[in-house]
């Protein structure tokens, strides 16, 4: 029988060695563990939202406070008058522009009073000047003014 077996080893011995080798290799895979394996937590995929801004011309606002004046009423109380300018420096017009003027307490850095101006359409390159009053405050306090702009893009 000269077949595939090496000289001096019978095919029956080779078969037996192959079975033993297969049993030894698979022995680790056949057993059951004493403690159940706890699955590792898999984090949920993060939900991401992409916001696409409209393509084309967009408004961009710059603001400045040109005047803040303390005024007295006949009853001895005080109010402030604020004048400010808003410029659309962008390359597109804006719709539904909301301009909020604020009287801010210097010591507490808190908004004391606000006045809102609405502009339905604000063309690119245009500057508008607004004067708002009365913004009530305490006569013995120091204030500064601020302005914020929000709008819809056409």
N, C-alpha and C. Protein backbone atom coordinates (compact mmCIF):
# COMPACT_ATOMS: atom_id res chain seq x y z
N UNK A 1 0.80 -1.17 0.00
CA UNK A 1 0.00 0.00 0.00
C UNK A 1 0.86 1.25 0.00
N UNK A 2 1.30 1.74 -0.97
CA UNK A 2 2.22 2.85 -0.94
C UNK A 2 1.53 4.18 -0.98
N UNK A 3 0.29 4.39 -1.20
CA UNK A 3 -0.57 5.57 -1.29
C UNK A 3 0.04 6.87 -0.82
N UNK A 4 -0.73 7.62 -0.04
CA UNK A 4 -0.38 8.97 0.40
C UNK A 4 0.27 9.00 1.78
N UNK A 5 0.32 7.93 2.48
CA UNK A 5 0.85 7.94 3.84
C UNK A 5 2.37 7.90 3.82
N UNK A 6 3.02 8.56 4.78
CA UNK A 6 4.47 8.50 4.87
C UNK A 6 4.92 7.07 5.17
N UNK A 7 6.15 6.71 4.79
CA UNK A 7 6.61 5.36 5.04
C UNK A 7 6.60 5.03 6.53
N UNK A 8 6.10 3.89 6.90
CA UNK A 8 6.11 3.38 8.27
C UNK A 8 4.88 3.77 9.06
N UNK A 9 3.94 4.60 8.52
CA UNK A 9 2.73 5.00 9.24
C UNK A 9 1.56 4.49 8.42
N UNK A 10 0.70 3.75 9.07
CA UNK A 10 -0.43 3.17 8.36
C UNK A 10 -1.52 4.22 8.17
N UNK A 11 -2.37 4.06 7.11
CA UNK A 11 -3.46 4.99 6.90
C UNK A 11 -4.42 5.04 8.09
N UNK A 12 -4.59 3.94 8.79
CA UNK A 12 -5.46 3.90 9.95
C UNK A 12 -4.92 4.78 11.07
N UNK A 13 -3.61 4.81 11.22
CA UNK A 13 -2.97 5.65 12.23
C UNK A 13 -3.16 7.13 11.87
N UNK A 14 -3.03 7.42 10.57
CA UNK A 14 -3.23 8.80 10.13
C UNK A 14 -4.66 9.26 10.38
N UNK A 15 -5.62 8.38 10.11
CA UNK A 15 -7.02 8.70 10.36
C UNK A 15 -7.26 8.95 11.84
N UNK A 16 -6.70 8.13 12.69
CA UNK A 16 -6.85 8.29 14.13
C UNK A 16 -6.22 9.59 14.60
N UNK A 17 -5.01 9.91 14.09
CA UNK A 17 -4.35 11.17 14.48
C UNK A 17 -5.17 12.38 14.01
N UNK A 18 -5.75 12.31 12.82
CA UNK A 18 -6.58 13.40 12.32
C UNK A 18 -7.81 13.63 13.17
N UNK A 19 -8.44 12.52 13.61
CA UNK A 19 -9.62 12.65 14.48
C UNK A 19 -9.25 13.25 15.83
N UNK A 20 -8.12 12.84 16.38
CA UNK A 20 -7.67 13.39 17.67
C UNK A 20 -7.33 14.88 17.55
N UNK A 21 -6.68 15.21 16.45
CA UNK A 21 -6.33 16.62 16.24
C UNK A 21 -7.60 17.46 16.09
N UNK A 22 -8.57 17.00 15.34
CA UNK A 22 -9.84 17.72 15.17
C UNK A 22 -10.58 17.86 16.48
N UNK A 23 -10.57 16.81 17.31
CA UNK A 23 -11.25 16.87 18.60
C UNK A 23 -10.56 17.87 19.52
N UNK A 24 -9.23 17.90 19.47
CA UNK A 24 -8.49 18.82 20.34
C UNK A 24 -8.74 20.28 19.93
N UNK A 25 -8.79 20.52 18.63
CA UNK A 25 -9.00 21.89 18.16
C UNK A 25 -10.41 22.36 18.49
N UNK A 26 -11.40 21.52 18.32
CA UNK A 26 -12.77 21.94 18.54
C UNK A 26 -13.20 21.84 20.00
N UNK A 27 -12.38 21.30 20.88
CA UNK A 27 -12.76 21.13 22.28
C UNK A 27 -13.06 22.46 22.94
N UNK A 28 -12.29 23.51 22.65
CA UNK A 28 -12.54 24.81 23.25
C UNK A 28 -13.82 25.44 22.77
N UNK A 29 -14.30 25.11 21.61
CA UNK A 29 -15.50 25.70 21.04
C UNK A 29 -16.76 24.97 21.48
N UNK A 30 -16.66 23.78 21.98
CA UNK A 30 -17.83 22.97 22.30
C UNK A 30 -18.33 23.16 23.72
N UNK A 31 -17.50 23.68 24.61
CA UNK A 31 -17.89 23.78 26.01
C UNK A 31 -18.86 24.93 26.25
N UNK A 32 -19.53 24.92 27.40
CA UNK A 32 -20.41 26.01 27.80
C UNK A 32 -19.74 26.74 28.94
N UNK A 33 -19.87 28.06 28.96
CA UNK A 33 -19.25 28.84 30.03
C UNK A 33 -20.12 28.78 31.28
N UNK A 34 -19.49 28.94 32.42
CA UNK A 34 -20.19 28.88 33.69
C UNK A 34 -21.06 30.11 33.91
N UNK A 35 -20.59 31.29 33.45
CA UNK A 35 -21.34 32.53 33.62
C UNK A 35 -21.82 33.00 32.26
N UNK A 36 -23.04 33.46 32.19
CA UNK A 36 -23.50 33.93 30.89
C UNK A 36 -22.73 35.18 30.48
N UNK A 37 -22.43 35.25 29.23
CA UNK A 37 -21.68 36.38 28.70
C UNK A 37 -22.60 37.57 28.57
N UNK A 38 -22.22 38.70 29.18
CA UNK A 38 -23.06 39.90 29.07
C UNK A 38 -22.64 40.67 27.83
N UNK A 39 -23.59 41.03 27.02
CA UNK A 39 -23.24 41.77 25.81
C UNK A 39 -22.77 43.17 26.17
N UNK A 40 -21.78 43.65 25.46
CA UNK A 40 -21.31 45.01 25.71
C UNK A 40 -22.32 45.99 25.12
N UNK A 41 -22.57 47.08 25.82
CA UNK A 41 -23.57 48.03 25.32
C UNK A 41 -23.10 48.67 24.02
N UNK A 42 -24.02 48.79 23.12
CA UNK A 42 -23.73 49.42 21.84
C UNK A 42 -24.44 50.76 21.84
N UNK A 43 -23.69 51.84 21.73
CA UNK A 43 -24.34 53.16 21.74
C UNK A 43 -25.24 53.31 20.52
N UNK A 44 -26.35 53.97 20.76
CA UNK A 44 -27.28 54.24 19.66
C UNK A 44 -26.62 55.22 18.70
N UNK A 45 -26.86 55.06 17.45
CA UNK A 45 -26.26 56.01 16.50
C UNK A 45 -26.77 57.42 16.75
N UNK A 46 -25.86 58.35 16.72
CA UNK A 46 -26.23 59.75 16.95
C UNK A 46 -27.04 60.26 15.77
N UNK A 47 -28.09 60.97 16.10
CA UNK A 47 -28.90 61.56 15.04
C UNK A 47 -28.30 62.91 14.71
N UNK A 48 -27.99 63.10 13.49
CA UNK A 48 -27.43 64.38 13.07
C UNK A 48 -28.38 65.04 12.09
N UNK A 49 -28.48 66.31 12.23
CA UNK A 49 -29.32 67.09 11.33
C UNK A 49 -28.43 68.07 10.58
N UNK A 50 -28.61 68.12 9.33
CA UNK A 50 -27.87 69.06 8.51
C UNK A 50 -28.81 70.16 8.08
N UNK A 51 -28.42 71.37 8.38
CA UNK A 51 -29.22 72.52 7.98
C UNK A 51 -28.54 73.15 6.79
N UNK A 52 -29.28 73.24 5.73
CA UNK A 52 -28.76 73.85 4.53
C UNK A 52 -29.28 75.27 4.44
N UNK A 53 -28.36 76.21 4.32
CA UNK A 53 -28.80 77.60 4.15
C UNK A 53 -29.14 77.81 2.68
N UNK A 54 -30.05 78.70 2.43
CA UNK A 54 -30.44 78.94 1.05
C UNK A 54 -29.26 79.42 0.21
N UNK A 55 -29.26 79.00 -1.01
CA UNK A 55 -28.21 79.44 -1.93
C UNK A 55 -28.62 80.80 -2.48
N UNK A 56 -27.66 81.66 -2.63
CA UNK A 56 -27.95 82.97 -3.21
C UNK A 56 -27.66 84.09 -2.24
N UNK A 57 -28.12 85.27 -2.57
CA UNK A 57 -27.85 86.45 -1.74
C UNK A 57 -28.46 86.32 -0.34
N UNK A 58 -27.74 86.84 0.64
CA UNK A 58 -28.19 86.77 2.03
C UNK A 58 -28.01 88.14 2.70
N UNK A 59 -28.88 88.46 3.63
CA UNK A 59 -28.69 89.70 4.40
C UNK A 59 -27.63 89.49 5.48
N UNK A 60 -26.99 90.55 5.89
CA UNK A 60 -26.05 90.55 7.01
C UNK A 60 -26.14 91.93 7.66
N UNK A 61 -26.45 91.96 8.94
CA UNK A 61 -26.72 93.24 9.60
C UNK A 61 -25.57 93.70 10.48
N UNK A 62 -25.35 94.99 10.47
CA UNK A 62 -24.47 95.63 11.44
C UNK A 62 -25.32 96.67 12.17
N UNK A 63 -25.01 96.87 13.44
CA UNK A 63 -25.80 97.79 14.26
C UNK A 63 -24.88 98.70 15.05
N UNK A 64 -25.42 99.84 15.41
CA UNK A 64 -24.70 100.74 16.32
C UNK A 64 -25.71 101.60 17.07
N UNK A 65 -25.36 101.92 18.30
CA UNK A 65 -26.16 102.84 19.11
C UNK A 65 -25.51 104.21 18.96
N UNK A 66 -26.29 105.17 18.46
CA UNK A 66 -25.74 106.50 18.23
C UNK A 66 -26.05 107.47 19.36
N UNK A 67 -27.08 107.16 20.16
CA UNK A 67 -27.44 108.07 21.25
C UNK A 67 -28.21 107.32 22.33
N UNK A 68 -27.89 107.62 23.57
CA UNK A 68 -28.64 107.14 24.74
C UNK A 68 -28.80 108.34 25.66
N UNK A 69 -30.05 108.79 25.85
CA UNK A 69 -30.29 109.99 26.64
C UNK A 69 -31.26 109.70 27.77
N UNK A 70 -30.89 110.19 28.95
CA UNK A 70 -31.76 110.10 30.12
C UNK A 70 -32.70 111.30 30.09
N UNK A 71 -33.99 111.04 30.30
CA UNK A 71 -35.00 112.10 30.29
C UNK A 71 -35.78 112.05 31.60
N UNK A 72 -36.23 113.21 32.02
CA UNK A 72 -37.00 113.33 33.26
C UNK A 72 -38.46 113.65 32.93
N UNK A 73 -39.34 113.03 33.68
CA UNK A 73 -40.77 113.35 33.58
C UNK A 73 -41.10 114.40 34.65
N UNK A 74 -42.27 115.00 34.50
CA UNK A 74 -42.69 116.03 35.46
C UNK A 74 -42.92 115.44 36.86
N UNK A 75 -43.20 114.14 36.94
CA UNK A 75 -43.42 113.53 38.26
C UNK A 75 -42.11 113.10 38.93
N UNK A 76 -40.96 113.36 38.29
CA UNK A 76 -39.66 113.03 38.89
C UNK A 76 -39.12 111.67 38.47
N UNK A 77 -39.86 110.90 37.70
CA UNK A 77 -39.36 109.60 37.24
C UNK A 77 -38.52 109.79 35.97
N UNK A 78 -37.80 108.74 35.62
CA UNK A 78 -36.88 108.81 34.48
C UNK A 78 -37.23 107.80 33.41
N UNK A 79 -36.85 108.14 32.20
CA UNK A 79 -36.90 107.19 31.09
C UNK A 79 -35.75 107.52 30.15
N UNK A 80 -35.44 106.58 29.27
CA UNK A 80 -34.33 106.77 28.35
C UNK A 80 -34.84 106.72 26.91
N UNK A 81 -34.17 107.48 26.07
CA UNK A 81 -34.42 107.48 24.63
C UNK A 81 -33.16 106.93 23.96
N UNK A 82 -33.37 105.94 23.09
CA UNK A 82 -32.25 105.29 22.39
C UNK A 82 -32.40 105.53 20.90
N UNK A 83 -31.30 105.95 20.27
CA UNK A 83 -31.25 106.07 18.82
C UNK A 83 -30.16 105.14 18.32
N UNK A 84 -30.50 104.37 17.32
CA UNK A 84 -29.53 103.43 16.76
C UNK A 84 -29.73 103.25 15.29
N UNK A 85 -28.67 102.78 14.63
CA UNK A 85 -28.76 102.54 13.19
C UNK A 85 -28.53 101.06 12.92
N UNK A 86 -29.22 100.59 11.89
CA UNK A 86 -29.10 99.20 11.45
C UNK A 86 -28.84 99.24 9.95
N UNK A 87 -27.81 98.51 9.50
CA UNK A 87 -27.45 98.47 8.09
C UNK A 87 -27.45 97.03 7.61
N UNK A 88 -28.07 96.80 6.46
CA UNK A 88 -28.01 95.49 5.82
C UNK A 88 -26.80 95.50 4.91
N UNK A 89 -25.69 94.94 5.39
CA UNK A 89 -24.44 94.91 4.64
C UNK A 89 -24.33 93.68 3.75
N UNK A 90 -25.36 92.84 3.76
CA UNK A 90 -25.34 91.65 2.93
C UNK A 90 -25.63 91.96 1.48
N UNK A 91 -25.72 90.89 0.70
CA UNK A 91 -25.99 91.06 -0.72
C UNK A 91 -27.42 90.69 -1.09
N UNK A 92 -28.27 90.50 -0.06
CA UNK A 92 -29.67 90.17 -0.31
C UNK A 92 -30.59 90.87 0.66
N UNK A 93 -31.82 91.04 0.25
CA UNK A 93 -32.82 91.67 1.12
C UNK A 93 -33.29 90.69 2.18
N UNK A 94 -33.85 91.22 3.26
CA UNK A 94 -34.40 90.41 4.34
C UNK A 94 -35.87 90.71 4.49
N UNK A 95 -36.62 89.69 4.91
CA UNK A 95 -38.05 89.87 5.18
C UNK A 95 -38.28 89.74 6.68
N UNK A 96 -39.35 90.37 7.13
CA UNK A 96 -39.79 90.26 8.52
C UNK A 96 -38.65 90.49 9.50
N UNK A 97 -38.06 91.64 9.42
CA UNK A 97 -36.92 91.99 10.27
C UNK A 97 -37.45 92.49 11.61
N UNK A 98 -36.94 91.90 12.69
CA UNK A 98 -37.30 92.30 14.05
C UNK A 98 -36.05 92.89 14.69
N UNK A 99 -36.14 94.16 15.07
CA UNK A 99 -35.02 94.87 15.68
C UNK A 99 -35.40 95.16 17.13
N UNK A 100 -34.60 94.65 18.04
CA UNK A 100 -34.91 94.79 19.47
C UNK A 100 -33.87 95.69 20.13
N UNK A 101 -34.34 96.84 20.62
CA UNK A 101 -33.49 97.75 21.38
C UNK A 101 -33.63 97.42 22.86
N UNK A 102 -32.50 97.43 23.58
CA UNK A 102 -32.50 97.03 24.98
C UNK A 102 -31.82 98.09 25.84
N UNK A 103 -32.41 98.37 26.99
CA UNK A 103 -31.79 99.21 28.00
C UNK A 103 -31.22 98.25 29.04
N UNK A 104 -29.89 98.25 29.20
CA UNK A 104 -29.20 97.25 30.03
C UNK A 104 -28.56 97.92 31.23
N UNK A 105 -28.86 97.40 32.40
CA UNK A 105 -28.31 97.91 33.66
C UNK A 105 -26.81 97.61 33.70
N UNK A 106 -25.99 98.65 33.88
CA UNK A 106 -24.53 98.47 33.90
C UNK A 106 -24.06 97.62 35.07
N UNK A 107 -24.62 97.83 36.26
CA UNK A 107 -24.15 97.14 37.46
C UNK A 107 -24.53 95.66 37.44
N UNK A 108 -25.76 95.35 37.10
CA UNK A 108 -26.23 93.96 37.14
C UNK A 108 -26.11 93.26 35.78
N UNK A 109 -25.81 94.01 34.73
CA UNK A 109 -25.71 93.50 33.37
C UNK A 109 -26.98 92.72 32.97
N UNK A 110 -28.12 93.30 33.34
CA UNK A 110 -29.42 92.70 33.03
C UNK A 110 -30.24 93.68 32.20
N UNK A 111 -31.08 93.13 31.36
CA UNK A 111 -31.95 93.97 30.53
C UNK A 111 -33.04 94.55 31.41
N UNK A 112 -33.16 95.85 31.39
CA UNK A 112 -34.17 96.55 32.21
C UNK A 112 -35.44 96.79 31.41
N UNK A 113 -35.30 97.12 30.11
CA UNK A 113 -36.46 97.40 29.27
C UNK A 113 -36.09 97.12 27.82
N UNK A 114 -37.13 96.83 27.02
CA UNK A 114 -36.91 96.59 25.59
C UNK A 114 -37.98 97.30 24.78
N UNK A 115 -37.66 97.56 23.55
CA UNK A 115 -38.60 98.10 22.58
C UNK A 115 -38.28 97.41 21.26
N UNK A 116 -39.32 96.93 20.57
CA UNK A 116 -39.13 96.18 19.34
C UNK A 116 -39.69 96.97 18.15
N UNK A 117 -38.93 96.95 17.06
CA UNK A 117 -39.33 97.60 15.81
C UNK A 117 -39.41 96.50 14.75
N UNK A 118 -40.49 96.51 13.98
CA UNK A 118 -40.69 95.52 12.92
C UNK A 118 -40.55 96.20 11.56
N UNK A 119 -39.76 95.59 10.67
CA UNK A 119 -39.59 96.10 9.31
C UNK A 119 -39.94 94.95 8.37
N UNK A 120 -41.00 95.09 7.56
CA UNK A 120 -41.42 93.98 6.68
C UNK A 120 -40.37 93.60 5.64
N UNK A 121 -39.67 94.57 5.09
CA UNK A 121 -38.65 94.28 4.07
C UNK A 121 -37.49 95.25 4.27
N UNK A 122 -36.27 94.70 4.28
CA UNK A 122 -35.07 95.49 4.51
C UNK A 122 -34.09 95.19 3.37
N UNK A 123 -34.02 96.08 2.35
CA UNK A 123 -33.18 95.83 1.18
C UNK A 123 -31.68 95.80 1.50
N UNK A 124 -30.92 95.13 0.66
CA UNK A 124 -29.46 95.09 0.80
C UNK A 124 -28.89 96.48 0.61
N UNK A 125 -27.88 96.81 1.40
CA UNK A 125 -27.21 98.10 1.28
C UNK A 125 -27.90 99.25 1.97
N UNK A 126 -29.06 99.04 2.53
CA UNK A 126 -29.83 100.12 3.13
C UNK A 126 -29.50 100.28 4.62
N UNK A 127 -29.51 101.53 5.09
CA UNK A 127 -29.33 101.86 6.50
C UNK A 127 -30.60 102.53 7.00
N UNK A 128 -31.07 102.10 8.14
CA UNK A 128 -32.25 102.71 8.76
C UNK A 128 -31.85 103.19 10.15
N UNK A 129 -32.38 104.35 10.53
CA UNK A 129 -32.12 104.91 11.85
C UNK A 129 -33.43 104.92 12.62
N UNK A 130 -33.38 104.43 13.86
CA UNK A 130 -34.58 104.33 14.69
C UNK A 130 -34.33 105.06 16.00
N UNK A 131 -35.39 105.71 16.50
CA UNK A 131 -35.37 106.28 17.84
C UNK A 131 -36.53 105.66 18.60
N UNK A 132 -36.21 105.06 19.75
CA UNK A 132 -37.24 104.41 20.57
C UNK A 132 -37.26 105.04 21.95
N UNK A 133 -38.46 105.22 22.47
CA UNK A 133 -38.68 105.68 23.84
C UNK A 133 -40.15 105.50 24.16
N UNK A 134 -40.55 105.51 25.34
CA UNK A 134 -39.72 105.57 26.54
C UNK A 134 -39.24 104.17 26.96
N UNK A 135 -38.00 104.10 27.35
CA UNK A 135 -37.47 102.88 27.96
C UNK A 135 -37.30 103.20 29.45
N UNK A 136 -38.19 102.67 30.29
CA UNK A 136 -38.19 103.05 31.70
C UNK A 136 -36.98 102.49 32.45
N UNK A 137 -36.50 103.30 33.39
CA UNK A 137 -35.39 102.89 34.24
C UNK A 137 -35.41 103.68 35.53
N UNK A 138 -34.52 103.31 36.44
CA UNK A 138 -34.39 104.03 37.70
C UNK A 138 -33.45 105.21 37.51
N UNK A 139 -33.81 106.33 38.11
CA UNK A 139 -33.02 107.55 37.93
C UNK A 139 -31.61 107.42 38.51
N UNK A 140 -31.44 106.60 39.53
CA UNK A 140 -30.13 106.49 40.20
C UNK A 140 -29.26 105.37 39.63
N UNK A 141 -29.62 104.77 38.52
CA UNK A 141 -28.86 103.67 37.92
C UNK A 141 -28.19 104.13 36.62
N UNK A 142 -27.12 103.44 36.26
CA UNK A 142 -26.43 103.70 35.00
C UNK A 142 -26.80 102.60 34.01
N UNK A 143 -27.05 102.98 32.77
CA UNK A 143 -27.48 102.03 31.74
C UNK A 143 -26.66 102.20 30.47
N UNK A 144 -26.63 101.14 29.68
CA UNK A 144 -26.13 101.23 28.30
C UNK A 144 -27.16 100.55 27.42
N UNK A 145 -27.08 100.77 26.13
CA UNK A 145 -28.08 100.25 25.21
C UNK A 145 -27.45 99.16 24.33
N UNK A 146 -28.29 98.24 23.90
CA UNK A 146 -27.88 97.18 22.98
C UNK A 146 -28.96 97.01 21.92
N UNK A 147 -28.61 96.33 20.84
CA UNK A 147 -29.57 96.10 19.78
C UNK A 147 -29.30 94.72 19.17
N UNK A 148 -30.38 93.99 18.88
CA UNK A 148 -30.31 92.68 18.24
C UNK A 148 -31.20 92.68 17.01
N UNK A 149 -30.82 91.92 15.99
CA UNK A 149 -31.61 91.86 14.75
C UNK A 149 -31.84 90.40 14.40
N UNK A 150 -33.08 90.08 14.05
CA UNK A 150 -33.44 88.75 13.56
C UNK A 150 -34.33 88.94 12.32
N UNK A 151 -34.27 87.98 11.39
CA UNK A 151 -35.06 88.12 10.18
C UNK A 151 -35.30 86.78 9.51
N UNK A 152 -36.23 86.80 8.55
CA UNK A 152 -36.44 85.69 7.63
C UNK A 152 -35.66 86.00 6.37
N UNK A 153 -35.12 84.98 5.76
CA UNK A 153 -34.42 85.16 4.49
C UNK A 153 -35.41 84.82 3.39
N UNK A 154 -35.52 85.68 2.36
CA UNK A 154 -36.50 85.42 1.31
C UNK A 154 -36.27 84.13 0.56
